[in-house]
Amino acid sequence: MADMRDCHRHILQAFMSCPVLGPTDIKKMFENACEQHGEEHEWRRLGEYVNTINRNIKPLNMEIKKSFSEDNGASCYILVNTRESKFMQSASDFTENELEFIKKIVENIVESESGTIGKIAMYNLTLTDRLPKAITKSNVKNVIDKLITQKWLLNTADKSVALDTRAVLELDGYIREQFPDSVNLCDICRHLCIRGQSCDCGIKLHVHCAVKYFRTKDNTRCPSKDCGANWPYLLPAAIAAPTQGSQAVQSQGNQDRDDEESQQSQRSTSRSNRKRRR
């Protein structure tokens, strides 16, 4: 980590303490880090700091990534584990039995039309799905509360539970591999779309992506060239716009997106071939 200064270490430590930082949080943390270590605070250079940190932590299978809330498109920055060999690698404070229960939650959310699960349904998973060991109702509550606190899950407006941005980002490979028939990619950003708006033709969009897309169009028709049907949803009048901080890291993310998607496709094909050989 020769090219990392104290300011970089300060930023990394902040992510180690809180793996998910929204635009307001990261701006405040970046300002504090620069002031504390005598570096000039230039907000546009945030991306440079993040890229330097990522080069150094890549051998540890870790990376700071930028993502967006499926609710409103608000940007956030997440320290994720990039190793694909184990489910929720960075969630070391759950037992194996609890992780099996969490897998059932993820499965039911991903395979549902709404991309959510009701809380009663989550409790019922312990009755209808076999787990290695019995799990008590109080333990279920503790697991759910911990998942929400650690930003793996979130409460929705209709009092259901959905995958939070951290889960959608870090479990991307797991979800694509385990649920290939249920996975949808947003037709605009080409990222996983667990909750969004769907056309009868199969196209699915994040709500915030739909707002940005249709904002530049004269009509609200399905983006698919083979469809063109009227988009059957009302769109929110306002959606969170990208902050200056998100733009600082976005340029590097855009350059890497095509390579990342190509690598994911190759990994998926490799896994399918291995399964067929078995």
Protein backbone atom coordinates (compact mmCIF):
# COMPACT_ATOMS: atom_id res chain seq x y z
CA MET A 1 0.00 0.00 0.00
CA ALA A 2 2.92 2.25 -0.83
CA ASP A 3 0.88 4.84 -2.71
CA MET A 4 -1.68 5.25 0.06
CA ARG A 5 -1.32 8.22 2.38
CA ASP A 6 -2.92 8.76 5.76
CA CYS A 7 -5.89 10.42 4.08
CA HIS A 8 -6.53 7.28 2.02
CA ARG A 9 -6.27 5.12 5.13
CA HIS A 10 -8.71 7.41 6.92
CA ILE A 11 -11.25 6.95 4.10
CA LEU A 12 -10.76 3.18 4.04
CA GLN A 13 -11.15 2.96 7.81
CA ALA A 14 -14.40 4.88 7.55
CA PHE A 15 -15.73 2.30 5.10
CA MET A 16 -14.53 -0.53 7.31
CA SER A 17 -16.57 0.95 10.15
CA CYS A 18 -19.62 1.72 7.98
CA PRO A 19 -19.58 -0.15 4.64
CA VAL A 20 -22.44 1.89 3.14
CA LEU A 21 -22.16 5.68 2.80
CA GLY A 22 -24.67 7.93 1.09
CA PRO A 23 -23.61 11.09 -0.78
CA THR A 24 -24.02 13.35 2.28
CA ASP A 25 -22.07 10.96 4.52
CA ILE A 26 -19.18 10.46 2.12
CA LYS A 27 -18.91 14.19 1.46
CA LYS A 28 -18.64 14.91 5.18
CA MET A 29 -16.20 12.04 5.71
CA PHE A 30 -14.02 13.12 2.78
CA GLU A 31 -13.88 16.70 4.05
CA ASN A 32 -12.92 15.51 7.54
CA ALA A 33 -10.23 13.18 6.18
CA CYS A 34 -8.63 15.93 4.08
CA GLU A 35 -8.73 18.49 6.91
CA GLN A 36 -7.36 16.07 9.49
CA HIS A 37 -4.40 15.04 7.34
CA GLY A 38 -3.60 18.44 5.85
CA GLU A 39 -4.67 17.72 2.29
CA GLU A 40 -6.50 20.16 0.08
CA HIS A 41 -10.16 19.31 -0.13
CA GLU A 42 -11.12 19.08 -3.78
CA TRP A 43 -14.41 17.29 -4.14
CA ARG A 44 -13.76 16.44 -7.79
CA ARG A 45 -10.74 14.36 -6.69
CA LEU A 46 -12.81 11.93 -4.62
CA GLY A 47 -12.70 9.46 -7.52
CA GLU A 48 -8.89 9.54 -7.53
CA TYR A 49 -8.78 8.67 -3.83
CA VAL A 50 -11.28 5.83 -4.26
CA ASN A 51 -9.42 4.42 -7.26
CA THR A 52 -6.11 4.46 -5.33
CA ILE A 53 -7.72 2.65 -2.41
CA ASN A 54 -9.29 0.08 -4.74
CA ARG A 55 -5.95 -0.72 -6.38
CA ASN A 56 -4.52 -1.49 -2.96
CA ILE A 57 -7.38 -3.55 -1.56
CA LYS A 58 -8.06 -5.54 -4.74
CA PRO A 59 -5.70 -8.39 -3.63
CA LEU A 60 -7.87 -8.67 -0.50
CA ASN A 61 -10.97 -9.23 -2.67
CA MET A 62 -12.44 -5.91 -1.60
CA GLU A 63 -13.59 -2.86 -3.56
CA ILE A 64 -15.40 0.41 -2.96
CA LYS A 65 -18.18 0.55 -5.53
CA LYS A 66 -20.76 3.13 -6.45
CA SER A 67 -24.37 2.09 -6.75
CA PHE A 68 -27.86 3.55 -6.74
CA SER A 69 -30.98 3.05 -4.67
CA GLU A 70 -33.70 1.20 -6.53
CA ASP A 71 -36.18 3.51 -4.82
CA ASN A 72 -35.05 6.93 -6.02
CA GLY A 73 -31.71 6.61 -7.78
CA ALA A 74 -29.79 8.27 -4.94
CA SER A 75 -26.12 7.33 -5.13
CA CYS A 76 -24.21 5.56 -2.41
CA TYR A 77 -20.76 4.04 -1.99
CA ILE A 78 -20.31 0.54 -0.66
CA LEU A 79 -17.30 -1.47 0.46
CA VAL A 80 -18.01 -4.93 -0.94
CA ASN A 81 -16.34 -8.31 -0.91
CA THR A 82 -15.66 -9.34 -4.51
CA ARG A 83 -15.00 -13.01 -3.81
CA GLU A 84 -17.82 -15.09 -5.29
CA SER A 85 -17.13 -18.35 -3.50
CA LYS A 86 -19.24 -17.71 -0.43
CA PHE A 87 -22.68 -16.21 0.16
CA MET A 88 -22.52 -12.84 1.99
CA GLN A 89 -18.78 -13.15 2.54
CA SER A 90 -18.58 -9.84 4.43
CA ALA A 91 -21.41 -10.74 6.83
CA SER A 92 -19.26 -12.71 9.25
CA ASP A 93 -21.52 -12.15 12.27
CA PHE A 94 -24.25 -14.55 11.07
CA THR A 95 -24.21 -18.27 11.83
CA GLU A 96 -24.38 -20.85 9.04
CA ASN A 97 -27.98 -21.61 9.97
CA GLU A 98 -28.88 -17.92 9.86
CA LEU A 99 -27.22 -17.58 6.46
CA GLU A 100 -29.37 -20.43 5.16
CA PHE A 101 -32.44 -18.55 6.42
CA ILE A 102 -31.20 -15.38 4.70
CA LYS A 103 -30.78 -17.33 1.44
CA LYS A 104 -34.47 -18.25 1.67
CA ILE A 105 -35.36 -14.57 2.13
CA VAL A 106 -33.29 -13.59 -0.92
CA GLU A 107 -34.82 -16.39 -2.99
CA ASN A 108 -38.38 -15.33 -2.17
CA ILE A 109 -37.64 -11.64 -2.85
CA VAL A 110 -35.94 -12.26 -6.18
CA GLU A 111 -38.62 -14.66 -7.41
CA SER A 112 -41.54 -12.43 -6.40
CA GLU A 113 -43.18 -10.09 -8.91
CA SER A 114 -42.88 -7.14 -6.54
CA GLY A 115 -39.28 -7.78 -5.47
CA THR A 116 -40.40 -7.74 -1.83
CA ILE A 117 -41.52 -10.10 0.90
CA GLY A 118 -43.96 -9.53 3.73
CA LYS A 119 -42.70 -9.83 7.30
CA ILE A 120 -45.21 -12.55 8.14
CA ALA A 121 -44.06 -14.47 5.08
CA MET A 122 -40.48 -14.22 6.34
CA TYR A 123 -41.44 -15.76 9.66
CA ASN A 124 -43.31 -18.50 7.80
CA LEU A 125 -40.14 -19.42 5.91
CA THR A 126 -38.92 -21.11 9.08
CA LEU A 127 -41.98 -23.38 8.92
CA THR A 128 -42.23 -24.11 5.20
CA ASP A 129 -38.52 -24.31 4.30
CA ARG A 130 -36.12 -26.74 5.83
CA LEU A 131 -33.16 -25.28 7.68
CA PRO A 132 -30.21 -27.24 9.09
CA LYS A 133 -31.38 -26.31 12.60
CA ALA A 134 -34.59 -24.91 14.01
CA ILE A 135 -34.67 -21.14 14.35
CA THR A 136 -36.82 -19.42 16.95
CA LYS A 137 -39.18 -16.51 16.33
CA SER A 138 -37.04 -14.23 18.50
CA ASN A 139 -33.95 -15.24 16.55
CA VAL A 140 -35.76 -14.51 13.27
CA LYS A 141 -36.55 -11.01 14.53
CA ASN A 142 -32.93 -10.46 15.57
CA VAL A 143 -31.67 -11.60 12.15
CA ILE A 144 -34.11 -9.34 10.28
CA ASP A 145 -33.30 -6.35 12.49
CA LYS A 146 -29.57 -6.92 11.97
CA LEU A 147 -30.00 -7.21 8.19
CA ILE A 148 -31.86 -3.90 8.13
CA THR A 149 -29.33 -2.17 10.39
CA GLN A 150 -26.44 -3.39 8.25
CA LYS A 151 -28.33 -2.29 5.11
CA TRP A 152 -28.79 -5.70 3.53
CA LEU A 153 -32.57 -5.29 3.74
CA LEU A 154 -34.85 -2.27 3.91
CA ASN A 155 -38.42 -1.57 4.94
CA THR A 156 -40.64 -0.45 2.06
CA ALA A 157 -43.51 2.01 2.12
CA ASP A 158 -46.07 -0.81 2.04
CA LYS A 159 -44.48 -2.38 5.16
CA SER A 160 -42.83 -5.18 3.23
CA VAL A 161 -39.10 -5.88 3.08
CA ALA A 162 -36.81 -5.59 0.04
CA LEU A 163 -33.12 -6.01 -0.75
CA ASP A 164 -31.22 -2.85 0.08
CA THR A 165 -28.59 -1.46 -2.29
CA ARG A 166 -25.77 -3.28 -0.50
CA ALA A 167 -27.42 -6.67 -1.09
CA VAL A 168 -28.28 -5.95 -4.72
CA LEU A 169 -24.66 -4.96 -5.39
CA GLU A 170 -22.72 -7.55 -3.37
CA LEU A 171 -25.04 -10.47 -4.19
CA ASP A 172 -25.16 -9.63 -7.89
CA GLY A 173 -23.17 -12.71 -8.96
CA TYR A 174 -25.01 -15.01 -6.57
CA ILE A 175 -28.43 -13.84 -7.75
CA ARG A 176 -27.54 -14.15 -11.43
CA GLU A 177 -26.19 -17.67 -10.94
CA GLN A 178 -28.89 -19.04 -8.64
CA PHE A 179 -31.97 -17.46 -10.24
CA PRO A 180 -31.25 -17.09 -13.98
CA ASP A 181 -34.92 -17.42 -14.91
CA SER A 182 -35.99 -14.73 -12.44
CA VAL A 183 -33.23 -12.17 -13.03
CA ASN A 184 -34.05 -8.98 -14.90
CA LEU A 185 -31.58 -6.31 -15.96
CA CYS A 186 -32.74 -2.73 -16.25
CA ASP A 187 -32.91 -2.00 -19.97
CA ILE A 188 -31.40 1.44 -19.38
CA CYS A 189 -28.48 0.96 -16.94
CA ARG A 190 -28.07 -2.82 -17.50
CA HIS A 191 -27.74 -3.48 -13.78
CA LEU A 192 -29.84 -5.89 -11.75
CA CYS A 193 -33.42 -4.70 -11.40
CA ILE A 194 -35.16 -6.39 -8.48
CA ARG A 195 -37.82 -3.71 -8.04
CA GLY A 196 -38.94 -1.69 -11.01
CA GLN A 197 -41.53 -1.25 -13.73
CA SER A 198 -42.15 -3.94 -16.35
CA CYS A 199 -43.73 -3.95 -19.79
CA ASP A 200 -45.70 -6.94 -21.06
CA CYS A 201 -42.89 -7.53 -23.57
CA GLY A 202 -40.50 -8.34 -20.71
CA ILE A 203 -38.57 -5.07 -20.55
CA LYS A 204 -37.95 -3.89 -16.98
CA LEU A 205 -36.70 -0.50 -15.79
CA HIS A 206 -35.71 0.99 -12.48
CA VAL A 207 -38.18 3.74 -11.67
CA HIS A 208 -35.43 6.38 -11.56
CA CYS A 209 -34.02 5.11 -14.88
CA ALA A 210 -37.50 5.30 -16.42
CA VAL A 211 -37.88 8.90 -15.22
CA LYS A 212 -34.54 9.93 -16.72
CA TYR A 213 -35.22 8.08 -19.97
CA PHE A 214 -38.72 9.40 -20.59
CA ARG A 215 -37.70 12.92 -19.56
CA THR A 216 -35.92 13.23 -22.90
CA LYS A 217 -38.71 11.68 -24.97
CA ASP A 218 -41.82 13.16 -26.56
CA ASN A 219 -43.90 10.19 -25.43
CA THR A 220 -43.78 7.42 -22.87
CA ARG A 221 -43.45 4.31 -24.97
CA CYS A 222 -41.60 1.11 -24.14
CA PRO A 223 -37.86 1.46 -24.96
CA SER A 224 -37.86 -1.89 -26.77
CA LYS A 225 -37.65 -1.41 -30.53
CA ASP A 226 -39.77 -4.54 -30.95
CA CYS A 227 -42.54 -3.24 -28.69
CA GLY A 228 -43.21 0.49 -28.52
CA ALA A 229 -46.34 0.06 -26.39
CA ASN A 230 -47.47 2.87 -24.10
CA TRP A 231 -45.64 2.66 -20.80
CA PRO A 232 -48.34 1.50 -18.34
CA TYR A 233 -47.10 3.36 -15.26
CA LEU A 234 -47.22 6.80 -13.75
CA LEU A 235 -43.75 8.22 -13.17
CA PRO A 236 -42.74 10.24 -10.09
CA ALA A 237 -42.38 13.95 -10.74
CA ALA A 238 -39.03 14.16 -8.98
CA ILE A 239 -36.20 11.69 -8.56
CA ALA A 240 -32.92 12.28 -6.75
CA ALA A 241 -30.37 13.69 -9.17
CA PRO A 242 -26.73 12.51 -9.08
CA THR A 243 -24.63 14.54 -6.67
CA GLN A 244 -21.24 16.03 -7.40
CA GLY A 245 -19.77 13.18 -5.37
CA SER A 246 -21.41 10.53 -7.50
CA GLN A 247 -20.09 12.20 -10.63
CA ALA A 248 -16.58 12.16 -9.20
CA VAL A 249 -16.51 8.36 -9.16
CA GLN A 250 -18.90 7.79 -12.03
CA SER A 251 -16.43 8.38 -14.85
CA GLN A 252 -14.22 5.48 -13.78
CA GLY A 253 -17.27 3.28 -13.21
CA ASN A 254 -18.58 3.98 -16.69
CA GLN A 255 -15.25 3.02 -18.24
CA ASP A 256 -15.25 -0.30 -16.38
CA ARG A 257 -18.92 -1.19 -16.91
CA ASP A 258 -18.56 -2.90 -20.30
CA ASP A 259 -15.56 -4.96 -19.14
CA GLU A 260 -17.41 -5.93 -15.95
CA GLU A 261 -20.51 -7.09 -17.86
CA SER A 262 -18.34 -9.08 -20.26
CA GLN A 263 -16.55 -10.79 -17.37
CA GLN A 264 -19.87 -11.60 -15.67
CA SER A 265 -21.16 -13.15 -18.89
CA GLN A 266 -18.02 -15.26 -19.25
CA ARG A 267 -18.27 -16.42 -15.62
CA SER A 268 -21.93 -17.33 -16.10
CA THR A 269 -21.13 -19.35 -19.24
CA SER A 270 -18.29 -21.11 -17.44
CA ARG A 271 -20.56 -22.04 -14.54
CA SER A 272 -23.22 -23.38 -16.90
CA ASN A 273 -20.63 -25.51 -18.69
CA ARG A 274 -19.38 -26.93 -15.40
CA LYS A 275 -22.93 -27.79 -14.35
CA ARG A 276 -23.60 -29.58 -17.65
CA ARG A 277 -20.39 -31.61 -17.31
CA ARG A 278 -21.52 -32.74 -13.86
